[in-house]
Amino acid sequence: MFDWDDVRIFIAAARAGSLATAAQRLGIDAATVGRRVARLETALKSTLVVRSASGLLLTAAGAQLLETALDAESAMEAAERVTRPDLVAGTVRISASEGFGGAVLAPALPELLTAHPGLNIELAASSGFLSPSRREVDMAITLSPAASPRLIVEPLTPYQLALYAAPEHVARHGAPDSVDDLPRFDIVGYVDDLIYASELHYLDEIRPNLRPRLASSSIRAQRDMIAAGGGIGVLPCFLAEGLTRVLPDQVLIERRFWLSTHREVHGMARLKAARRWIKTLCRDAAERLSPYGA
């Protein structure tokens, strides 16, 4: 037999990818997390995790246990909701794109915690997305609708992107007269073979064979490059404060964010509260997200 509390600690370690991060989230020390995971491995007579330079990696047995343990955790939470169906408490882990997560979600999250003191939020805002279908997160805000039958997917909000440059860059080098004039200018954009979603192929959409001279997998890094005078690049309008829009009559890109939640946790009070708050936030930020109309 094994202790369910050891399984709970194993879940935290698997989600965090490190003993130290799991310990911080659980409010215990890393050595205790390591001992409890080791005790669970002994009870199950199986290696569940291996340590690597990048953190903890699940073995095949560990991955199988995590999936089963998450189902058990959901069942226990469902049982709790029978007696406390409206309790908004616990942790919600959200995956979002680096730009939207950092510039729109993160500054507003304290308001959500003020409204729900029992809630904890973990925001994974990075280049790429974690998956609700694999239970890496509870919900994800993505650039395209997820196709997994395990998920409930909803359109969240449209947003716009345009070409921008630093005012000093335009004063020094001028501005292009048309999209066909863009190859004369230094372009900032994504590293082509590190683009994680087809929706990010902005340059090809503006003009075929337009290639960046400065490139990064990070939209925040691209924004910093543009602001420092590195060239002209495509940015979400909500990241372009202080920059000069280039070719405003010729380039305006429309995209949409989608919100997906795993079916097994979709109805939980804390997920419903977080989802409702995110939708309200996007409605309130509509002018910032799409400043140039439909």
Foldseek 3Di string as FASTA:
>chain_A
DADLVLVVLLLLCVLVQALCNSCVVVVHHSVVSVVSVVRVCVVVVHDAWDADPRGIDGDPVNLVSNVVSVVVVLVVLVVVCVVVVQQQADEFEEEEEQVCCVLQVVVCVVVLCVVHVRYHYHYHHYLDTDDQVSPSGFKYKDQDFDDDPQKDKDWFAKFKKAKWAAPVLCVVPNAAPALVRQLVWAEEAADVVLRPDPVRPQNCVRPNPRDHPHHYSHLVVSLVCRNVNVTMYMDTQLSQPNIDTGPPVRDMDMTTIMMMGGPSCCSGNNNVSVVVVSSVSCVVCVCSRYVPDD
